Amino acid sequence: MKRSIIFLTILAIAFTVVASIRCTTIKANNSNAFKKKTGSGIEENTIETKKLVELFTSEGCSSCPPAEKIVAAASKQFASDAIILCYHVDYWNYLGWKDEFSKKIFTNRQKQYANQFNLESIYTPQLVVNGSEQFVGSNKSKLIAALSKPNNNNGYEIKVATESIADKTITLNYVCNNLL
């Protein structure tokens, strides 16, 4: 439960950043099943499985803008297959430029991945796909290859039933397994 709340918080904040939308409300529901009524009144499953792409970035990082452009292009190309989140880490803030989107919780998440992947340090830009592979965020060919693969269920499994943006509100119904 605690992991779901932490993930939901990160998802909500990061989704707002990556979508460049200033939302006043974010509604998200973690559920085990989603149903919709058809014309005949029969309920049918409406769940779609998506890949999770996480970009660790910072406004203080000179290598990050190219990675952000690559991720933005991929988000258009794979819009129906992936949820792409940008996490602005706070460890670049010491240089005198404070990234207004940076959060300690994003840095902590990246540190968890560094531990999972046995990395000696954290860096930006870093991409993590489905919690199962990581690489430099500006590596377009690796990102396209990772998004082109079928889901192997070794990492995250995110199933999204409803996504809508209206009146500065993002509504997202999801099921997520294998949280950090």
Protein backbone atom coordinates (compact mmCIF):
# COMPACT_ATOMS: atom_id res chain seq x y z
CA MET A 1 0.00 0.00 0.00
CA LYS A 2 2.77 2.45 0.96
CA ARG A 3 4.63 1.67 -2.28
CA SER A 4 1.47 2.35 -4.28
CA ILE A 5 1.02 5.70 -2.56
CA ILE A 6 4.66 6.66 -3.17
CA PHE A 7 4.42 5.59 -6.81
CA LEU A 8 1.12 7.43 -7.23
CA THR A 9 2.68 10.61 -5.82
CA ILE A 10 5.67 10.33 -8.14
CA LEU A 11 3.44 9.47 -11.08
CA ALA A 12 1.17 12.43 -10.43
CA ILE A 13 3.98 14.95 -10.06
CA ALA A 14 6.03 13.62 -12.95
CA PHE A 15 3.05 13.25 -15.30
CA THR A 16 2.28 16.91 -14.73
CA VAL A 17 5.87 17.87 -15.58
CA VAL A 18 6.24 15.68 -18.66
CA ALA A 19 2.89 16.75 -20.06
CA SER A 20 3.78 20.41 -19.41
CA ILE A 21 0.34 20.89 -17.92
CA ARG A 22 -0.24 22.87 -14.75
CA CYS A 23 -2.94 20.81 -13.12
CA THR A 24 -4.88 21.83 -10.09
CA THR A 25 -6.21 18.31 -9.50
CA ILE A 26 -4.92 14.86 -10.26
CA LYS A 27 -7.23 11.92 -9.76
CA ALA A 28 -5.74 8.45 -9.87
CA ASN A 29 -7.28 5.18 -8.90
CA ASN A 30 -5.37 1.95 -8.43
CA SER A 31 -7.80 -0.88 -9.12
CA ASN A 32 -7.67 -4.56 -9.95
CA ALA A 33 -10.12 -4.43 -12.84
CA PHE A 34 -11.75 -1.87 -15.08
CA LYS A 35 -14.98 -2.44 -16.92
CA LYS A 36 -17.05 -0.48 -19.39
CA LYS A 37 -20.61 -1.01 -20.49
CA THR A 38 -21.22 -1.79 -24.12
CA GLY A 39 -24.35 -0.94 -26.07
CA SER A 40 -25.84 -4.26 -25.02
CA GLY A 41 -25.18 -3.48 -21.35
CA ILE A 42 -22.48 -6.16 -21.09
CA GLU A 43 -19.33 -5.11 -19.28
CA GLU A 44 -16.02 -5.76 -20.95
CA ASN A 45 -12.43 -5.26 -19.88
CA THR A 46 -10.85 -2.02 -21.13
CA ILE A 47 -7.33 -2.42 -19.74
CA GLU A 48 -4.33 -1.54 -21.91
CA THR A 49 -0.81 -2.59 -20.91
CA LYS A 50 1.73 0.21 -21.18
CA LYS A 51 5.48 0.47 -20.81
CA LEU A 52 6.88 2.83 -18.20
CA VAL A 53 9.72 5.11 -19.34
CA GLU A 54 11.42 7.23 -16.68
CA LEU A 55 13.84 10.00 -17.58
CA PHE A 56 16.01 11.40 -14.78
CA THR A 57 16.89 14.93 -15.80
CA SER A 58 17.64 18.43 -14.51
CA GLU A 59 17.51 21.99 -15.78
CA GLY A 60 21.13 22.32 -14.50
CA CYS A 61 22.37 19.49 -16.73
CA SER A 62 23.75 20.59 -20.11
CA SER A 63 23.39 17.05 -21.54
CA CYS A 64 19.71 16.79 -20.66
CA PRO A 65 17.97 18.93 -23.35
CA PRO A 66 18.90 16.50 -26.18
CA ALA A 67 17.59 13.59 -24.10
CA GLU A 68 14.38 15.48 -23.36
CA LYS A 69 13.87 16.07 -27.11
CA ILE A 70 14.40 12.37 -27.85
CA VAL A 71 11.96 11.39 -25.12
CA ALA A 72 9.42 13.96 -26.36
CA ALA A 73 9.63 12.52 -29.89
CA ALA A 74 9.28 8.97 -28.52
CA SER A 75 6.25 10.02 -26.48
CA LYS A 76 4.52 11.01 -29.72
CA GLN A 77 5.63 7.91 -31.62
CA PHE A 78 4.70 5.49 -28.82
CA ALA A 79 1.84 7.46 -27.22
CA SER A 80 -0.52 4.50 -27.13
CA ASP A 81 2.13 2.08 -25.81
CA ALA A 82 4.02 3.98 -23.12
CA ILE A 83 3.72 6.27 -20.16
CA ILE A 84 6.73 8.57 -20.19
CA LEU A 85 7.68 10.41 -17.03
CA CYS A 86 10.40 12.98 -16.41
CA TYR A 87 11.89 13.18 -12.94
CA HIS A 88 13.85 16.33 -12.19
CA VAL A 89 16.51 15.38 -9.64
CA ASP A 90 17.76 17.83 -7.04
CA TYR A 91 21.50 17.08 -6.91
CA TRP A 92 22.27 19.63 -9.63
CA ASN A 93 20.83 22.48 -7.56
CA TYR A 94 24.08 23.19 -5.72
CA LEU A 95 25.54 24.97 -8.76
CA GLY A 96 23.47 28.10 -8.11
CA TRP A 97 20.63 27.27 -10.51
CA LYS A 98 17.65 25.72 -8.75
CA ASP A 99 15.54 23.49 -10.94
CA GLU A 100 11.99 24.45 -9.96
CA PHE A 101 10.74 20.96 -10.85
CA SER A 102 13.39 19.11 -8.83
CA LYS A 103 12.38 16.91 -5.92
CA LYS A 104 14.42 14.91 -3.43
CA ILE A 105 11.99 12.01 -3.90
CA PHE A 106 13.03 11.80 -7.58
CA THR A 107 16.70 11.64 -6.60
CA ASN A 108 15.86 8.92 -4.08
CA ARG A 109 14.04 6.96 -6.77
CA GLN A 110 17.09 7.20 -9.03
CA LYS A 111 19.29 6.00 -6.16
CA GLN A 112 17.02 2.95 -5.78
CA TYR A 113 17.58 2.18 -9.45
CA ALA A 114 21.35 2.65 -9.05
CA ASN A 115 21.23 0.03 -6.32
CA GLN A 116 19.03 -2.28 -8.42
CA PHE A 117 21.33 -2.01 -11.45
CA ASN A 118 24.54 -2.12 -9.36
CA LEU A 119 25.67 1.29 -10.63
CA GLU A 120 28.53 3.09 -8.88
CA SER A 121 26.83 6.48 -9.19
CA ILE A 122 23.74 8.25 -10.45
CA TYR A 123 23.78 10.49 -13.50
CA THR A 124 21.66 12.58 -15.82
CA PRO A 125 20.23 12.08 -18.29
CA GLN A 126 19.33 8.51 -17.41
CA LEU A 127 16.49 6.48 -18.88
CA VAL A 128 14.91 3.48 -17.20
CA VAL A 129 12.44 1.40 -19.20
CA ASN A 130 9.96 -0.85 -17.40
CA GLY A 131 12.21 -0.90 -14.37
CA SER A 132 14.31 -3.57 -16.08
CA GLU A 133 16.86 -1.73 -18.22
CA GLN A 134 18.70 1.57 -17.98
CA PHE A 135 20.88 3.60 -20.32
CA VAL A 136 22.00 7.13 -21.14
CA GLY A 137 18.94 9.25 -21.91
CA SER A 138 20.29 10.60 -25.18
CA ASN A 139 20.62 7.11 -26.68
CA LYS A 140 17.73 7.28 -29.15
CA SER A 141 18.33 3.87 -30.72
CA LYS A 142 18.23 2.09 -27.33
CA LEU A 143 15.02 3.92 -26.39
CA ILE A 144 13.31 3.04 -29.68
CA ALA A 145 14.47 -0.59 -29.36
CA ALA A 146 13.20 -0.81 -25.76
CA LEU A 147 9.82 0.65 -26.69
CA SER A 148 9.53 -1.59 -29.73
CA LYS A 149 9.96 -4.80 -27.71
CA PRO A 150 6.90 -6.64 -26.49
CA ASN A 151 6.34 -6.44 -22.73
CA ASN A 152 8.21 -9.27 -21.04
CA ASN A 153 6.74 -8.76 -17.55
CA ASN A 154 10.25 -8.74 -16.04
CA GLY A 155 9.81 -5.16 -14.91
CA TYR A 156 6.80 -3.00 -14.31
CA GLU A 157 3.43 -3.95 -15.60
CA ILE A 158 1.23 -0.91 -15.91
CA LYS A 159 -2.29 -1.29 -17.11
CA VAL A 160 -4.18 1.89 -17.84
CA ALA A 161 -7.92 1.87 -18.24
CA THR A 162 -8.75 5.55 -18.43
CA GLU A 163 -6.71 8.61 -19.21
CA SER A 164 -8.32 11.98 -19.53
CA ILE A 165 -7.32 15.60 -19.20
CA ALA A 166 -10.06 18.16 -18.68
CA ASP A 167 -10.43 21.36 -16.70
CA LYS A 168 -6.84 21.20 -15.39
CA THR A 169 -7.51 17.71 -14.03
CA ILE A 170 -5.72 14.53 -15.06
CA THR A 171 -7.71 11.38 -14.42
CA LEU A 172 -5.76 8.14 -14.54
CA ASN A 173 -6.98 4.67 -13.58
CA TYR A 174 -4.17 2.16 -13.39
CA VAL A 175 -2.87 -1.14 -12.08
CA CYS A 176 0.86 -1.33 -11.40
CA ASN A 177 2.86 -4.37 -10.34
CA ASN A 178 6.54 -4.76 -9.33
CA LEU A 179 7.03 -1.38 -7.69
CA LEU A 180 10.45 -0.54 -6.26
